[in-house]
């Protein structure tokens, strides 16, 4: 399992559901001071691991632009992979 880097600042209050259907959730995460690379880092979303499921997607608005991430949740760790 990856440990969370203390310089990353995940904030649960910045995460919201945009759509939900058939066990799939489309999320939005508004990164405050983090850039796209920090948000896409392994374990960034670990604190939301009880809400995220494999196959969910996260639309990220970061200080340097936006990106879509696909969630891969396994054994208490949350990983994301960029789409496109």
PDB file of N, CA and C in Angstrom:
ATOM      1  N   UNK A   1       0.838  -1.179   0.000  1.00  0.00           N
ATOM      2  CA  UNK A   1       0.000   0.000   0.000  1.00  0.00           C
ATOM      3  C   UNK A   1       0.882   1.241   0.000  1.00  0.00           C
ATOM      4  N   UNK A   2       0.466   2.233  -0.751  1.00  0.00           N
ATOM      5  CA  UNK A   2       1.218   3.478  -0.828  1.00  0.00           C
ATOM      6  C   UNK A   2       0.902   4.356   0.370  1.00  0.00           C
ATOM      7  N   UNK A   3       1.902   5.049   0.867  1.00  0.00           N
ATOM      8  CA  UNK A   3       1.672   6.008   1.934  1.00  0.00           C
ATOM      9  C   UNK A   3       1.397   7.369   1.314  1.00  0.00           C
ATOM     10  N   UNK A   4       0.578   8.139   1.982  1.00  0.00           N
ATOM     11  CA  UNK A   4       0.235   9.463   1.483  1.00  0.00           C
ATOM     12  C   UNK A   4       1.377  10.434   1.741  1.00  0.00           C
ATOM     13  N   UNK A   5       1.744  11.165   0.716  1.00  0.00           N
ATOM     14  CA  UNK A   5       2.774  12.194   0.818  1.00  0.00           C
ATOM     15  C   UNK A   5       2.187  13.369   1.600  1.00  0.00           C
ATOM     16  N   UNK A   6       2.819  13.811   2.677  1.00  0.00           N
ATOM     17  CA  UNK A   6       2.251  14.896   3.488  1.00  0.00           C
ATOM     18  C   UNK A   6       2.132  16.221   2.752  1.00  0.00           C
ATOM     19  N   UNK A   7       2.806  16.388   1.619  1.00  0.00           N
ATOM     20  CA  UNK A   7       2.689  17.631   0.871  1.00  0.00           C
ATOM     21  C   UNK A   7       1.408  17.666   0.042  1.00  0.00           C
ATOM     22  N   UNK A   8       0.777  16.519  -0.158  1.00  0.00           N
ATOM     23  CA  UNK A   8      -0.479  16.471  -0.889  1.00  0.00           C
ATOM     24  C   UNK A   8      -1.606  16.840   0.064  1.00  0.00           C
ATOM     25  N   UNK A   9      -2.558  17.582  -0.430  1.00  0.00           N
ATOM     26  CA  UNK A   9      -3.582  18.109   0.457  1.00  0.00           C
ATOM     27  C   UNK A   9      -4.989  17.701   0.032  1.00  0.00           C
ATOM     28  N   UNK A  10      -5.297  16.391   0.049  1.00  0.00           N
ATOM     29  CA  UNK A  10      -6.654  15.954  -0.261  1.00  0.00           C
ATOM     30  C   UNK A  10      -7.607  16.525   0.779  1.00  0.00           C
ATOM     31  N   UNK A  11      -8.724  17.056   0.319  1.00  0.00           N
ATOM     32  CA  UNK A  11      -9.748  17.588   1.220  1.00  0.00           C
ATOM     33  C   UNK A  11     -11.096  17.016   0.806  1.00  0.00           C
ATOM     34  N   UNK A  12     -11.700  16.208   1.658  1.00  0.00           N
ATOM     35  CA  UNK A  12     -12.962  15.550   1.339  1.00  0.00           C
ATOM     36  C   UNK A  12     -14.055  16.554   0.992  1.00  0.00           C
ATOM     37  N   UNK A  13     -14.018  17.732   1.570  1.00  0.00           N
ATOM     38  CA  UNK A  13     -15.036  18.747   1.292  1.00  0.00           C
ATOM     39  C   UNK A  13     -14.967  19.261  -0.148  1.00  0.00           C
ATOM     40  N   UNK A  14     -13.858  19.003  -0.830  1.00  0.00           N
ATOM     41  CA  UNK A  14     -13.706  19.446  -2.217  1.00  0.00           C
ATOM     42  C   UNK A  14     -14.141  18.386  -3.224  1.00  0.00           C
ATOM     43  N   UNK A  15     -14.731  17.300  -2.744  1.00  0.00           N
ATOM     44  CA  UNK A  15     -15.151  16.216  -3.609  1.00  0.00           C
ATOM     45  C   UNK A  15     -16.670  16.114  -3.604  1.00  0.00           C
ATOM     46  N   UNK A  16     -17.264  15.982  -4.798  1.00  0.00           N
ATOM     47  CA  UNK A  16     -18.716  15.883  -4.877  1.00  0.00           C
ATOM     48  C   UNK A  16     -19.125  14.923  -5.991  1.00  0.00           C
ATOM     49  N   UNK A  17     -20.323  14.384  -5.861  1.00  0.00           N
ATOM     50  CA  UNK A  17     -20.880  13.477  -6.854  1.00  0.00           C
ATOM     51  C   UNK A  17     -21.575  14.293  -7.939  1.00  0.00           C
ATOM     52  N   UNK A  18     -21.231  13.997  -9.192  1.00  0.00           N
ATOM     53  CA  UNK A  18     -21.909  14.635 -10.316  1.00  0.00           C
ATOM     54  C   UNK A  18     -23.024  13.751 -10.861  1.00  0.00           C
ATOM     55  N   UNK A  19     -22.787  12.442 -10.883  1.00  0.00           N
ATOM     56  CA  UNK A  19     -23.785  11.501 -11.397  1.00  0.00           C
ATOM     57  C   UNK A  19     -23.535  10.126 -10.795  1.00  0.00           C
ATOM     58  N   UNK A  20     -24.625   9.370 -10.654  1.00  0.00           N
ATOM     59  CA  UNK A  20     -24.530   8.012 -10.123  1.00  0.00           C
ATOM     60  C   UNK A  20     -25.563   7.149 -10.826  1.00  0.00           C
ATOM     61  N   UNK A  21     -25.161   5.987 -11.319  1.00  0.00           N
ATOM     62  CA  UNK A  21     -26.094   5.041 -11.937  1.00  0.00           C
ATOM     63  C   UNK A  21     -25.443   3.672 -12.022  1.00  0.00           C
ATOM     64  N   UNK A  22     -26.224   2.639 -11.734  1.00  0.00           N
ATOM     65  CA  UNK A  22     -25.787   1.251 -11.900  1.00  0.00           C
ATOM     66  C   UNK A  22     -24.444   0.951 -11.253  1.00  0.00           C
ATOM     67  N   UNK A  23     -24.192   1.496 -10.082  1.00  0.00           N
ATOM     68  CA  UNK A  23     -22.950   1.225  -9.368  1.00  0.00           C
ATOM     69  C   UNK A  23     -21.759   2.041  -9.829  1.00  0.00           C
ATOM     70  N   UNK A  24     -21.959   2.960 -10.770  1.00  0.00           N
ATOM     71  CA  UNK A  24     -20.896   3.838 -11.276  1.00  0.00           C
ATOM     72  C   UNK A  24     -21.128   5.240 -10.733  1.00  0.00           C
ATOM     73  N   UNK A  25     -20.051   5.906 -10.323  1.00  0.00           N
ATOM     74  CA  UNK A  25     -20.160   7.287  -9.855  1.00  0.00           C
ATOM     75  C   UNK A  25     -19.174   8.161 -10.614  1.00  0.00           C
ATOM     76  N   UNK A  26     -19.660   9.297 -11.070  1.00  0.00           N
ATOM     77  CA  UNK A  26     -18.821  10.331 -11.669  1.00  0.00           C
ATOM     78  C   UNK A  26     -18.646  11.407 -10.605  1.00  0.00           C
ATOM     79  N   UNK A  27     -17.397  11.639 -10.230  1.00  0.00           N
ATOM     80  CA  UNK A  27     -17.056  12.581  -9.165  1.00  0.00           C
ATOM     81  C   UNK A  27     -16.427  13.840  -9.742  1.00  0.00           C
ATOM     82  N   UNK A  28     -16.474  14.914  -8.971  1.00  0.00           N
ATOM     83  CA  UNK A  28     -15.695  16.117  -9.276  1.00  0.00           C
ATOM     84  C   UNK A  28     -14.830  16.412  -8.053  1.00  0.00           C
ATOM     85  N   UNK A  29     -13.557  16.710  -8.302  1.00  0.00           N
ATOM     86  CA  UNK A  29     -12.661  17.106  -7.215  1.00  0.00           C
ATOM     87  C   UNK A  29     -12.038  18.441  -7.569  1.00  0.00           C
ATOM     88  N   UNK A  30     -12.242  19.436  -6.728  1.00  0.00           N
ATOM     89  CA  UNK A  30     -11.669  20.767  -6.897  1.00  0.00           C
ATOM     90  C   UNK A  30     -10.402  20.838  -6.064  1.00  0.00           C
ATOM     91  N   UNK A  31      -9.255  20.729  -6.748  1.00  0.00           N
ATOM     92  CA  UNK A  31      -7.965  20.798  -6.055  1.00  0.00           C
ATOM     93  C   UNK A  31      -7.677  22.259  -5.721  1.00  0.00           C
ATOM     94  N   UNK A  32      -7.353  22.513  -4.499  1.00  0.00           N
ATOM     95  CA  UNK A  32      -7.081  23.891  -4.076  1.00  0.00           C
ATOM     96  C   UNK A  32      -5.716  24.341  -4.603  1.00  0.00           C
ATOM     97  N   UNK A  33      -4.648  23.928  -3.947  1.00  0.00           N
ATOM     98  CA  UNK A  33      -3.304  24.356  -4.347  1.00  0.00           C
ATOM     99  C   UNK A  33      -2.554  23.282  -5.115  1.00  0.00           C
ATOM    100  N   UNK A  34      -3.163  22.103  -5.269  1.00  0.00           N
ATOM    101  CA  UNK A  34      -2.475  20.998  -5.935  1.00  0.00           C
ATOM    102  C   UNK A  34      -2.596  21.084  -7.447  1.00  0.00           C
ATOM    103  N   UNK A  35      -1.544  20.621  -8.127  1.00  0.00           N
ATOM    104  CA  UNK A  35      -1.600  20.571  -9.587  1.00  0.00           C
ATOM    105  C   UNK A  35      -2.065  19.186 -10.029  1.00  0.00           C
ATOM    106  N   UNK A  36      -2.221  19.005 -11.339  1.00  0.00           N
ATOM    107  CA  UNK A  36      -2.725  17.751 -11.881  1.00  0.00           C
ATOM    108  C   UNK A  36      -1.852  16.557 -11.521  1.00  0.00           C
ATOM    109  N   UNK A  37      -0.551  16.735 -11.522  1.00  0.00           N
ATOM    110  CA  UNK A  37       0.363  15.630 -11.202  1.00  0.00           C
ATOM    111  C   UNK A  37       0.180  15.182  -9.759  1.00  0.00           C
ATOM    112  N   UNK A  38       0.051  16.125  -8.832  1.00  0.00           N
ATOM    113  CA  UNK A  38      -0.135  15.772  -7.420  1.00  0.00           C
ATOM    114  C   UNK A  38      -1.443  15.012  -7.215  1.00  0.00           C
ATOM    115  N   UNK A  39      -2.512  15.462  -7.857  1.00  0.00           N
ATOM    116  CA  UNK A  39      -3.818  14.822  -7.686  1.00  0.00           C
ATOM    117  C   UNK A  39      -3.841  13.424  -8.299  1.00  0.00           C
ATOM    118  N   UNK A  40      -3.082  13.203  -9.353  1.00  0.00           N
ATOM    119  CA  UNK A  40      -3.041  11.892 -10.014  1.00  0.00           C
ATOM    120  C   UNK A  40      -2.050  10.930  -9.349  1.00  0.00           C
ATOM    121  N   UNK A  41      -1.339  11.375  -8.342  1.00  0.00           N
ATOM    122  CA  UNK A  41      -0.335  10.540  -7.673  1.00  0.00           C
ATOM    123  C   UNK A  41      -0.995   9.366  -6.946  1.00  0.00           C
ATOM    124  N   UNK A  42      -0.291   8.225  -6.874  1.00  0.00           N
ATOM    125  CA  UNK A  42      -0.830   7.086  -6.123  1.00  0.00           C
ATOM    126  C   UNK A  42      -1.143   7.503  -4.689  1.00  0.00           C
ATOM    127  N   UNK A  43      -2.254   7.048  -4.189  1.00  0.00           N
ATOM    128  CA  UNK A  43      -2.683   7.251  -2.799  1.00  0.00           C
ATOM    129  C   UNK A  43      -3.268   8.627  -2.506  1.00  0.00           C
ATOM    130  N   UNK A  44      -3.332   9.539  -3.475  1.00  0.00           N
ATOM    131  CA  UNK A  44      -3.889  10.862  -3.201  1.00  0.00           C
ATOM    132  C   UNK A  44      -5.318  10.750  -2.665  1.00  0.00           C
ATOM    133  N   UNK A  45      -6.113   9.852  -3.242  1.00  0.00           N
ATOM    134  CA  UNK A  45      -7.519   9.717  -2.862  1.00  0.00           C
ATOM    135  C   UNK A  45      -7.764   8.637  -1.798  1.00  0.00           C
ATOM    136  N   UNK A  46      -6.731   8.145  -1.126  1.00  0.00           N
ATOM    137  CA  UNK A  46      -6.901   7.086  -0.129  1.00  0.00           C
ATOM    138  C   UNK A  46      -7.893   7.463   0.968  1.00  0.00           C
ATOM    139  N   UNK A  47      -7.944   8.719   1.365  1.00  0.00           N
ATOM    140  CA  UNK A  47      -8.874   9.125   2.425  1.00  0.00           C
ATOM    141  C   UNK A  47     -10.328   9.006   1.992  1.00  0.00           C
ATOM    142  N   UNK A  48     -10.574   8.870   0.692  1.00  0.00           N
ATOM    143  CA  UNK A  48     -11.930   8.687   0.169  1.00  0.00           C
ATOM    144  C   UNK A  48     -12.151   7.244  -0.272  1.00  0.00           C
ATOM    145  N   UNK A  49     -11.263   6.357   0.146  1.00  0.00           N
ATOM    146  CA  UNK A  49     -11.325   4.968  -0.283  1.00  0.00           C
ATOM    147  C   UNK A  49     -12.621   4.258   0.042  1.00  0.00           C
ATOM    148  N   UNK A  50     -13.320   4.686   1.092  1.00  0.00           N
ATOM    149  CA  UNK A  50     -14.589   4.048   1.439  1.00  0.00           C
ATOM    150  C   UNK A  50     -15.733   4.514   0.553  1.00  0.00           C
ATOM    151  N   UNK A  51     -15.509   5.566  -0.245  1.00  0.00           N
ATOM    152  CA  UNK A  51     -16.543   6.089  -1.144  1.00  0.00           C
ATOM    153  C   UNK A  51     -16.290   5.717  -2.606  1.00  0.00           C
ATOM    154  N   UNK A  52     -15.033   5.552  -2.975  1.00  0.00           N
ATOM    155  CA  UNK A  52     -14.669   5.309  -4.366  1.00  0.00           C
ATOM    156  C   UNK A  52     -14.655   3.825  -4.686  1.00  0.00           C
ATOM    157  N   UNK A  53     -15.082   3.494  -5.905  1.00  0.00           N
ATOM    158  CA  UNK A  53     -15.078   2.101  -6.360  1.00  0.00           C
ATOM    159  C   UNK A  53     -14.308   2.010  -7.673  1.00  0.00           C
ATOM    160  N   UNK A  54     -13.729   0.858  -7.919  1.00  0.00           N
ATOM    161  CA  UNK A  54     -13.033   0.649  -9.186  1.00  0.00           C
ATOM    162  C   UNK A  54     -13.990   0.922 -10.338  1.00  0.00           C
ATOM    163  N   UNK A  55     -13.507   1.654 -11.314  1.00  0.00           N
ATOM    164  CA  UNK A  55     -14.321   2.017 -12.470  1.00  0.00           C
ATOM    165  C   UNK A  55     -14.973   3.381 -12.358  1.00  0.00           C
ATOM    166  N   UNK A  56     -15.037   3.942 -11.138  1.00  0.00           N
ATOM    167  CA  UNK A  56     -15.530   5.312 -11.003  1.00  0.00           C
ATOM    168  C   UNK A  56     -14.597   6.253 -11.750  1.00  0.00           C
ATOM    169  N   UNK A  57     -15.092   7.418 -12.094  1.00  0.00           N
ATOM    170  CA  UNK A  57     -14.265   8.438 -12.732  1.00  0.00           C
ATOM    171  C   UNK A  57     -14.299   9.712 -11.905  1.00  0.00           C
ATOM    172  N   UNK A  58     -13.151  10.397 -11.891  1.00  0.00           N
ATOM    173  CA  UNK A  58     -13.034  11.655 -11.153  1.00  0.00           C
ATOM    174  C   UNK A  58     -12.632  12.754 -12.131  1.00  0.00           C
ATOM    175  N   UNK A  59     -13.472  13.771 -12.238  1.00  0.00           N
ATOM    176  CA  UNK A  59     -13.161  14.958 -13.023  1.00  0.00           C
ATOM    177  C   UNK A  59     -12.428  15.904 -12.069  1.00  0.00           C
ATOM    178  N   UNK A  60     -11.194  16.246 -12.408  1.00  0.00           N
ATOM    179  CA  UNK A  60     -10.359  17.065 -11.526  1.00  0.00           C
ATOM    180  C   UNK A  60     -10.205  18.467 -12.091  1.00  0.00           C
ATOM    181  N   UNK A  61     -10.439  19.459 -11.254  1.00  0.00           N
ATOM    182  CA  UNK A  61     -10.132  20.851 -11.575  1.00  0.00           C
ATOM    183  C   UNK A  61      -8.954  21.241 -10.693  1.00  0.00           C
ATOM    184  N   UNK A  62      -7.773  21.355 -11.298  1.00  0.00           N
ATOM    185  CA  UNK A  62      -6.558  21.669 -10.547  1.00  0.00           C
ATOM    186  C   UNK A  62      -6.088  23.079 -10.890  1.00  0.00           C
ATOM    187  N   UNK A  63      -5.085  23.547 -10.159  1.00  0.00           N
ATOM    188  CA  UNK A  63      -4.601  24.914 -10.375  1.00  0.00           C
ATOM    189  C   UNK A  63      -3.996  25.099 -11.767  1.00  0.00           C
ATOM    190  N   UNK A  64      -3.565  24.005 -12.403  1.00  0.00           N
ATOM    191  CA  UNK A  64      -2.951  24.105 -13.728  1.00  0.00           C
ATOM    192  C   UNK A  64      -3.807  23.480 -14.834  1.00  0.00           C
ATOM    193  N   UNK A  65      -5.094  23.307 -14.583  1.00  0.00           N
ATOM    194  CA  UNK A  65      -5.995  22.785 -15.611  1.00  0.00           C
ATOM    195  C   UNK A  65      -6.830  21.629 -15.083  1.00  0.00           C
ATOM    196  N   UNK A  66      -7.435  20.898 -15.998  1.00  0.00           N
ATOM    197  CA  UNK A  66      -8.305  19.801 -15.611  1.00  0.00           C
ATOM    198  C   UNK A  66      -7.889  18.499 -16.253  1.00  0.00           C
ATOM    199  N   UNK A  67      -8.416  17.396 -15.709  1.00  0.00           N
ATOM    200  CA  UNK A  67      -8.165  16.083 -16.282  1.00  0.00           C
ATOM    201  C   UNK A  67      -9.194  15.110 -15.737  1.00  0.00           C
ATOM    202  N   UNK A  68      -9.352  14.007 -16.440  1.00  0.00           N
ATOM    203  CA  UNK A  68     -10.237  12.924 -16.009  1.00  0.00           C
ATOM    204  C   UNK A  68      -9.381  11.763 -15.537  1.00  0.00           C
ATOM    205  N   UNK A  69      -9.770  11.178 -14.411  1.00  0.00           N
ATOM    206  CA  UNK A  69      -9.053  10.033 -13.857  1.00  0.00           C
ATOM    207  C   UNK A  69     -10.014   8.866 -13.670  1.00  0.00           C
ATOM    208  N   UNK A  70      -9.528   7.670 -13.907  1.00  0.00           N
ATOM    209  CA  UNK A  70     -10.285   6.451 -13.657  1.00  0.00           C
ATOM    210  C   UNK A  70      -9.772   5.844 -12.353  1.00  0.00           C
ATOM    211  N   UNK A  71     -10.686   5.392 -11.511  1.00  0.00           N
ATOM    212  CA  UNK A  71     -10.334   4.866 -10.191  1.00  0.00           C
ATOM    213  C   UNK A  71     -10.085   3.359 -10.253  1.00  0.00           C
ATOM    214  N   UNK A  72      -9.013   2.937  -9.591  1.00  0.00           N
ATOM    215  CA  UNK A  72      -8.728   1.522  -9.379  1.00  0.00           C
ATOM    216  C   UNK A  72      -8.536   1.368  -7.867  1.00  0.00           C
ATOM    217  N   UNK A  73      -9.522   0.797  -7.200  1.00  0.00           N
ATOM    218  CA  UNK A  73      -9.470   0.637  -5.746  1.00  0.00           C
ATOM    219  C   UNK A  73      -9.186  -0.821  -5.420  1.00  0.00           C
ATOM    220  N   UNK A  74      -8.167  -1.050  -4.608  1.00  0.00           N
ATOM    221  CA  UNK A  74      -7.831  -2.415  -4.227  1.00  0.00           C
ATOM    222  C   UNK A  74      -7.175  -2.451  -2.862  1.00  0.00           C
ATOM    223  N   UNK A  75      -7.632  -3.348  -2.022  1.00  0.00           N
ATOM    224  CA  UNK A  75      -7.058  -3.582  -0.693  1.00  0.00           C
ATOM    225  C   UNK A  75      -6.801  -2.315   0.106  1.00  0.00           C
ATOM    226  N   UNK A  76      -7.768  -1.421   0.169  1.00  0.00           N
ATOM    227  CA  UNK A  76      -7.641  -0.219   0.973  1.00  0.00           C
ATOM    228  C   UNK A  76      -6.877   0.922   0.325  1.00  0.00           C
ATOM    229  N   UNK A  77      -6.320   0.704  -0.850  1.00  0.00           N
ATOM    230  CA  UNK A  77      -5.586   1.770  -1.551  1.00  0.00           C
ATOM    231  C   UNK A  77      -6.375   2.193  -2.773  1.00  0.00           C
ATOM    232  N   UNK A  78      -6.301   3.466  -3.080  1.00  0.00           N
ATOM    233  CA  UNK A  78      -6.976   4.000  -4.251  1.00  0.00           C
ATOM    234  C   UNK A  78      -5.920   4.523  -5.212  1.00  0.00           C
ATOM    235  N   UNK A  79      -5.950   4.006  -6.422  1.00  0.00           N
ATOM    236  CA  UNK A  79      -5.055   4.462  -7.479  1.00  0.00           C
ATOM    237  C   UNK A  79      -5.902   5.062  -8.578  1.00  0.00           C
ATOM    238  N   UNK A  80      -5.347   5.962  -9.319  1.00  0.00           N
ATOM    239  CA  UNK A  80      -6.059   6.525 -10.471  1.00  0.00           C
ATOM    240  C   UNK A  80      -5.171   6.438 -11.701  1.00  0.00           C
ATOM    241  N   UNK A  81      -5.819   6.350 -12.845  1.00  0.00           N
ATOM    242  CA  UNK A  81      -5.113   6.376 -14.114  1.00  0.00           C
ATOM    243  C   UNK A  81      -5.762   7.450 -14.974  1.00  0.00           C
ATOM    244  N   UNK A  82      -4.955   8.229 -15.693  1.00  0.00           N
ATOM    245  CA  UNK A  82      -5.533   9.272 -16.537  1.00  0.00           C
ATOM    246  C   UNK A  82      -6.278   8.670 -17.719  1.00  0.00           C
ATOM    247  N   UNK A  83      -7.323   9.348 -18.145  1.00  0.00           N
ATOM    248  CA  UNK A  83      -8.059   8.963 -19.343  1.00  0.00           C
ATOM    249  C   UNK A  83      -7.596   9.837 -20.493  1.00  0.00           C
ATOM    250  N   UNK A  84      -7.409   9.229 -21.622  1.00  0.00           N
ATOM    251  CA  UNK A  84      -7.053   9.986 -22.818  1.00  0.00           C
ATOM    252  C   UNK A  84      -5.706  10.483 -22.845  1.00  0.00           C
TER     253      UNK A  84
END
